Amino acid sequence: MSTLATTKMSSKGQVVIPEKIRTKLGLKPGTQFIAVGEGDVVIFKKIAPPSFEDFDALIAEARKRARQAGLRRSDIPAAVRDVRRAR
């Protein structure tokens, strides 16, 4: 079941997450969130960097797809230059 609590926004736009909810969700200082707003609804979703295992899997998948696309390591500097020029 959901934990309900009320809170309010400060003049600086800061919102305190009630202690009951912080404890239940294991939120610590420095926890990062993405905020989504639509109509009268605001949703905060906790985000975290991937674990080393997840990151390794992401890199392996990226390398696999690059090979399938025919990319070579020597293509990278030119691709970076093109992206930087496009800014």
Protein backbone atom coordinates (compact mmCIF):
# COMPACT_ATOMS: atom_id res chain seq x y z
CA MET A 1 0.00 0.00 0.00
CA SER A 2 1.16 3.54 -0.73
CA THR A 3 2.36 5.84 2.02
CA LEU A 4 0.54 9.18 1.96
CA ALA A 5 1.83 12.44 3.43
CA THR A 6 1.50 16.12 2.70
CA THR A 7 4.24 18.62 2.08
CA LYS A 8 4.59 22.08 0.57
CA MET A 9 6.97 23.95 -1.65
CA SER A 10 9.25 26.64 -0.22
CA SER A 11 9.71 30.09 -1.76
CA LYS A 12 12.89 28.68 -3.39
CA GLY A 13 10.94 25.87 -5.09
CA GLN A 14 12.21 23.20 -2.71
CA VAL A 15 9.95 20.34 -1.67
CA VAL A 16 10.61 18.22 1.42
CA ILE A 17 9.92 14.52 0.99
CA PRO A 18 8.31 13.45 4.27
CA GLU A 19 10.48 11.29 6.54
CA LYS A 20 8.09 8.31 6.41
CA ILE A 21 8.43 8.16 2.62
CA ARG A 22 12.21 8.75 2.65
CA THR A 23 12.63 5.88 5.11
CA LYS A 24 10.31 3.51 3.25
CA LEU A 25 12.08 4.14 -0.08
CA GLY A 26 15.60 4.27 1.39
CA LEU A 27 16.23 7.80 0.09
CA LYS A 28 19.49 9.37 1.24
CA PRO A 29 20.95 12.87 0.84
CA GLY A 30 22.27 13.27 -2.70
CA THR A 31 19.72 10.88 -4.24
CA GLN A 32 18.97 12.09 -7.77
CA PHE A 33 15.52 12.27 -9.33
CA ILE A 34 13.94 13.01 -12.64
CA ALA A 35 10.87 15.24 -12.33
CA VAL A 36 7.95 14.99 -14.75
CA GLY A 37 5.09 17.47 -14.69
CA GLU A 38 1.80 17.31 -16.57
CA GLY A 39 -1.36 19.21 -15.69
CA ASP A 40 -1.61 19.23 -11.91
CA VAL A 41 0.59 16.12 -11.44
CA VAL A 42 4.29 16.06 -10.54
CA ILE A 43 6.12 12.75 -10.43
CA PHE A 44 9.61 12.25 -9.02
CA LYS A 45 11.44 9.10 -10.12
CA LYS A 46 14.65 8.09 -8.36
CA ILE A 47 17.54 7.60 -10.79
CA ALA A 48 20.91 5.97 -10.26
CA PRO A 49 23.90 5.28 -12.47
CA PRO A 50 24.13 1.72 -13.78
CA SER A 51 26.14 -0.82 -11.82
CA PHE A 52 29.52 -1.84 -13.26
CA GLU A 53 27.95 -5.10 -14.45
CA ASP A 54 25.12 -3.24 -16.20
CA PHE A 55 27.59 -0.76 -17.70
CA ASP A 56 29.75 -3.61 -19.03
CA ALA A 57 26.66 -5.16 -20.63
CA LEU A 58 25.74 -1.81 -22.23
CA ILE A 59 29.25 -1.40 -23.64
CA ALA A 60 29.25 -4.96 -24.99
CA GLU A 61 25.91 -4.34 -26.73
CA ALA A 62 27.15 -1.03 -28.19
CA ARG A 63 30.27 -2.71 -29.55
CA LYS A 64 28.20 -5.53 -31.04
CA ARG A 65 25.90 -3.07 -32.82
CA ALA A 66 28.84 -1.02 -34.05
CA ARG A 67 30.40 -4.15 -35.60
CA GLN A 68 27.06 -5.05 -37.20
CA ALA A 69 26.88 -1.54 -38.68
CA GLY A 70 30.38 -1.89 -40.08
CA LEU A 71 31.95 0.79 -37.87
CA ARG A 72 35.64 0.67 -37.04
CA ARG A 73 37.56 2.22 -34.17
CA SER A 74 39.24 4.51 -36.71
CA ASP A 75 35.80 6.01 -37.56
CA ILE A 76 35.37 7.48 -34.07
CA PRO A 77 37.50 10.67 -34.34
CA ALA A 78 35.71 11.79 -37.51
CA ALA A 79 32.30 11.08 -35.97
CA VAL A 80 33.19 13.14 -32.88
CA ARG A 81 34.41 16.01 -35.09
CA ASP A 82 31.15 15.94 -37.09
CA VAL A 83 29.01 16.07 -33.96
CA ARG A 84 31.05 18.93 -32.50
CA ARG A 85 30.76 20.92 -35.73
CA ALA A 86 27.00 20.45 -35.77
CA ARG A 87 26.61 22.28 -32.46
